[in-house]
Amino acid sequence: MSKRRLRPDEEDLWRKVTAKAERLHPEKPFDPSDFVTPTPATKVRRQVFDALPQKIIGPVTKPQTQISRAPSIMDQVGAAKVQMDRKSFEQMKRGKLRPAGKIDLHGMTLDRAHPALTHFILSAQADGKRLVLVVTGKGKQRDDGGPIPVRFGVLRHQVPQWLAMPPLSSAVLQVTQAHLRHGGGGAYYVYLRKRR
């Protein structure tokens, strides 16, 4: 059986499928060209290219195939610049500060969770609370087997975005992942600004 080159739409679908797959041999380097046989036209172009003097084209190097992933929301939250007192921030990250309030968004839809979070954060700031805990849960694996990946933990990804947008951005000073004793990857510490 001869191999053929994938069409662009087939390549996109293949990339989506392989993004969710686990490699059987992760120690072996992956080279996608191993799975595609060059067409005769490609072979002819390669022969012409190889025949050109090196002075004209310069040194030939094989392009590196590197799969880059978009930064996750957890990477973005973890990399955020510290806006609050460094000592308090370190205590908060280690779970030494006790949250003055807590909201649990488990099981809520995005339509219900957003207004509930907005009301909770603005009310907590009005009450003079500084540190609150927002529990989102880690999310359930909901793969229906289709070609389009389903986001894992929708609330977990959406809450930091809501906290960074108005009207909540004016009330929030710092957002970071909670310590394990307060929920770990399924919760966020939200440090609020003092009300003026």
Protein backbone atom coordinates (compact mmCIF):
# COMPACT_ATOMS: atom_id res chain seq x y z
CA MET A 1 0.00 0.00 0.00
CA SER A 2 1.47 3.34 -1.04
CA LYS A 3 1.34 6.37 1.21
CA ARG A 4 -0.16 9.62 0.01
CA ARG A 5 0.18 13.19 1.24
CA LEU A 6 -2.63 14.35 3.54
CA ARG A 7 -4.85 17.18 2.45
CA PRO A 8 -4.76 20.31 4.68
CA ASP A 9 -8.17 19.52 6.20
CA GLU A 10 -7.02 15.95 6.93
CA GLU A 11 -3.82 17.27 8.53
CA ASP A 12 -5.84 19.60 10.80
CA LEU A 13 -8.08 16.74 11.87
CA TRP A 14 -5.07 14.49 12.44
CA ARG A 15 -3.40 17.16 14.64
CA LYS A 16 -6.58 17.47 16.74
CA VAL A 17 -6.77 13.72 17.22
CA THR A 18 -3.08 13.30 18.06
CA ALA A 19 -3.13 16.22 20.52
CA LYS A 20 -5.27 14.11 22.85
CA ALA A 21 -3.41 10.82 22.30
CA GLU A 22 -0.68 9.45 24.52
CA ARG A 23 2.49 8.28 22.79
CA LEU A 24 3.41 4.63 23.24
CA HIS A 25 7.11 5.43 23.08
CA PRO A 26 7.63 9.01 24.35
CA GLU A 27 11.42 8.55 24.35
CA LYS A 28 11.49 8.25 20.55
CA PRO A 29 11.50 11.55 18.63
CA PHE A 30 8.44 12.19 16.48
CA ASP A 31 8.96 13.11 12.84
CA PRO A 32 5.71 13.60 10.87
CA SER A 33 7.57 13.14 7.58
CA ASP A 34 7.94 9.45 8.49
CA PHE A 35 4.24 9.03 7.73
CA VAL A 36 4.14 10.85 4.38
CA THR A 37 5.76 9.61 1.19
CA PRO A 38 7.05 12.46 -0.98
CA THR A 39 5.27 12.87 -4.28
CA PRO A 40 7.31 12.53 -7.50
CA ALA A 41 7.19 16.32 -7.98
CA THR A 42 8.72 16.81 -4.52
CA LYS A 43 11.52 14.39 -5.37
CA VAL A 44 12.30 16.29 -8.59
CA ARG A 45 12.32 19.66 -6.75
CA ARG A 46 14.62 18.17 -4.10
CA GLN A 47 17.05 16.94 -6.79
CA VAL A 48 17.09 20.38 -8.45
CA PHE A 49 17.59 22.07 -5.09
CA ASP A 50 20.43 19.71 -4.15
CA ALA A 51 22.15 20.42 -7.49
CA LEU A 52 22.34 24.19 -6.79
CA PRO A 53 25.73 25.43 -5.60
CA GLN A 54 25.88 25.99 -1.82
CA LYS A 55 27.16 29.55 -2.40
CA ILE A 56 23.79 30.53 -3.83
CA ILE A 57 21.45 28.87 -1.37
CA GLY A 58 23.58 28.70 1.77
CA PRO A 59 23.79 25.74 4.16
CA VAL A 60 20.77 23.46 4.17
CA THR A 61 19.33 22.48 7.52
CA LYS A 62 16.38 20.25 8.20
CA PRO A 63 13.57 22.22 9.83
CA GLN A 64 12.87 21.24 13.40
CA THR A 65 9.37 19.96 14.03
CA GLN A 66 8.26 21.40 17.33
CA ILE A 67 4.79 21.15 18.71
CA SER A 68 3.96 24.22 20.74
CA ARG A 69 1.04 24.39 23.07
CA ALA A 70 -0.86 27.50 23.92
CA PRO A 71 -0.32 28.60 27.51
CA SER A 72 -3.06 27.28 29.74
CA ILE A 73 -4.98 29.51 32.10
CA MET A 74 -3.13 27.88 35.00
CA ASP A 75 0.17 28.96 33.42
CA GLN A 76 -1.15 32.49 33.01
CA VAL A 77 -2.44 32.70 36.62
CA GLY A 78 0.84 31.30 37.94
CA ALA A 79 2.91 33.72 35.86
CA ALA A 80 0.92 36.83 36.84
CA LYS A 81 2.96 39.61 38.42
CA VAL A 82 2.57 39.86 42.20
CA GLN A 83 0.50 42.98 42.93
CA MET A 84 0.18 42.57 46.69
CA ASP A 85 2.58 42.46 49.62
CA ARG A 86 5.16 39.71 48.91
CA LYS A 87 5.06 38.29 52.45
CA SER A 88 1.26 38.04 52.44
CA PHE A 89 1.38 36.52 48.96
CA GLU A 90 3.78 33.77 50.07
CA GLN A 91 1.63 33.02 53.13
CA MET A 92 -1.45 32.87 50.93
CA LYS A 93 0.20 30.46 48.45
CA ARG A 94 1.26 28.18 51.31
CA GLY A 95 -2.31 28.11 52.66
CA LYS A 96 -1.37 30.00 55.85
CA LEU A 97 -3.96 32.76 55.33
CA ARG A 98 -7.55 31.83 56.03
CA PRO A 99 -10.11 33.02 53.45
CA ALA A 100 -12.77 35.34 54.88
CA GLY A 101 -15.37 34.07 52.42
CA LYS A 102 -16.00 31.23 50.02
CA ILE A 103 -18.17 30.58 46.97
CA ASP A 104 -18.61 27.13 45.47
CA LEU A 105 -19.45 27.16 41.75
CA HIS A 106 -19.58 23.35 41.38
CA GLY A 107 -22.30 22.19 39.05
CA MET A 108 -23.27 25.68 37.87
CA THR A 109 -23.57 26.56 34.22
CA LEU A 110 -21.58 29.50 32.88
CA ASP A 111 -24.80 31.54 32.76
CA ARG A 112 -25.43 31.00 36.47
CA ALA A 113 -21.83 31.08 37.66
CA HIS A 114 -20.86 34.47 36.19
CA PRO A 115 -23.53 36.57 37.98
CA ALA A 116 -23.04 34.58 41.19
CA LEU A 117 -19.30 35.24 41.12
CA THR A 118 -19.78 38.93 40.32
CA HIS A 119 -22.24 39.39 43.20
CA PHE A 120 -20.03 37.46 45.62
CA ILE A 121 -16.82 39.38 44.82
CA LEU A 122 -18.43 42.84 44.92
CA SER A 123 -20.30 42.00 48.15
CA ALA A 124 -17.13 40.66 49.77
CA GLN A 125 -15.25 43.83 48.87
CA ALA A 126 -18.10 45.97 50.21
CA ASP A 127 -17.95 44.00 53.49
CA GLY A 128 -14.23 44.75 53.79
CA LYS A 129 -13.04 41.18 53.17
CA ARG A 130 -9.56 40.87 51.68
CA LEU A 131 -9.10 37.17 50.88
CA VAL A 132 -11.85 34.97 49.46
CA LEU A 133 -11.88 31.49 48.01
CA VAL A 134 -13.56 30.71 44.68
CA VAL A 135 -14.10 26.96 44.22
CA THR A 136 -14.56 25.93 40.58
CA GLY A 137 -13.78 22.24 40.75
CA LYS A 138 -11.23 20.60 38.50
CA GLY A 139 -13.76 19.68 35.84
CA LYS A 140 -14.86 16.36 34.42
CA GLN A 141 -13.36 14.57 31.47
CA ARG A 142 -16.16 14.88 28.90
CA ASP A 143 -14.72 13.45 25.72
CA ASP A 144 -17.51 12.34 23.43
CA GLY A 145 -15.01 10.90 20.96
CA GLY A 146 -15.55 13.58 18.33
CA PRO A 147 -12.79 15.26 16.33
CA ILE A 148 -13.13 18.56 18.16
CA PRO A 149 -11.65 18.52 21.67
CA VAL A 150 -13.91 19.51 24.56
CA ARG A 151 -12.38 21.89 27.11
CA PHE A 152 -11.57 20.22 30.41
CA GLY A 153 -12.84 22.22 33.41
CA VAL A 154 -14.75 25.07 31.76
CA LEU A 155 -15.34 27.05 34.98
CA ARG A 156 -11.73 26.53 36.05
CA HIS A 157 -10.60 28.25 32.84
CA GLN A 158 -13.32 30.89 32.70
CA VAL A 159 -13.21 32.27 36.27
CA PRO A 160 -9.74 33.92 36.00
CA GLN A 161 -10.87 35.61 32.78
CA TRP A 162 -14.00 36.96 34.47
CA LEU A 163 -11.91 38.22 37.40
CA ALA A 164 -9.63 40.10 34.99
CA MET A 165 -12.55 41.88 33.24
CA PRO A 166 -14.73 44.77 34.46
CA PRO A 167 -16.52 45.13 36.84
CA LEU A 168 -14.48 42.59 38.85
CA SER A 169 -11.03 43.78 37.71
CA SER A 170 -11.42 46.95 39.78
CA ALA A 171 -12.10 44.88 42.93
CA VAL A 172 -9.46 42.17 42.44
CA LEU A 173 -5.82 42.71 43.35
CA GLN A 174 -4.42 39.18 42.93
CA VAL A 175 -5.60 35.76 41.76
CA THR A 176 -3.65 32.56 42.40
CA GLN A 177 -4.32 28.86 42.59
CA ALA A 178 -5.37 27.71 46.05
CA HIS A 179 -3.25 25.57 48.33
CA LEU A 180 -4.16 21.86 48.53
CA ARG A 181 -5.89 22.34 51.90
CA HIS A 182 -8.28 24.80 50.24
CA GLY A 183 -8.91 22.91 47.00
CA GLY A 184 -5.64 23.02 45.03
CA GLY A 185 -6.17 23.11 41.25
CA GLY A 186 -9.95 23.26 41.69
CA ALA A 187 -10.00 26.60 43.54
CA TYR A 188 -8.56 30.11 43.43
CA TYR A 189 -7.54 32.56 46.11
CA VAL A 190 -8.81 36.02 45.21
CA TYR A 191 -7.18 38.86 47.12
CA LEU A 192 -9.40 41.95 47.01
CA ARG A 193 -8.47 45.62 46.99
CA LYS A 194 -9.38 47.79 49.95
CA ARG A 195 -12.61 49.64 49.32
CA ARG A 196 -12.12 53.38 49.00
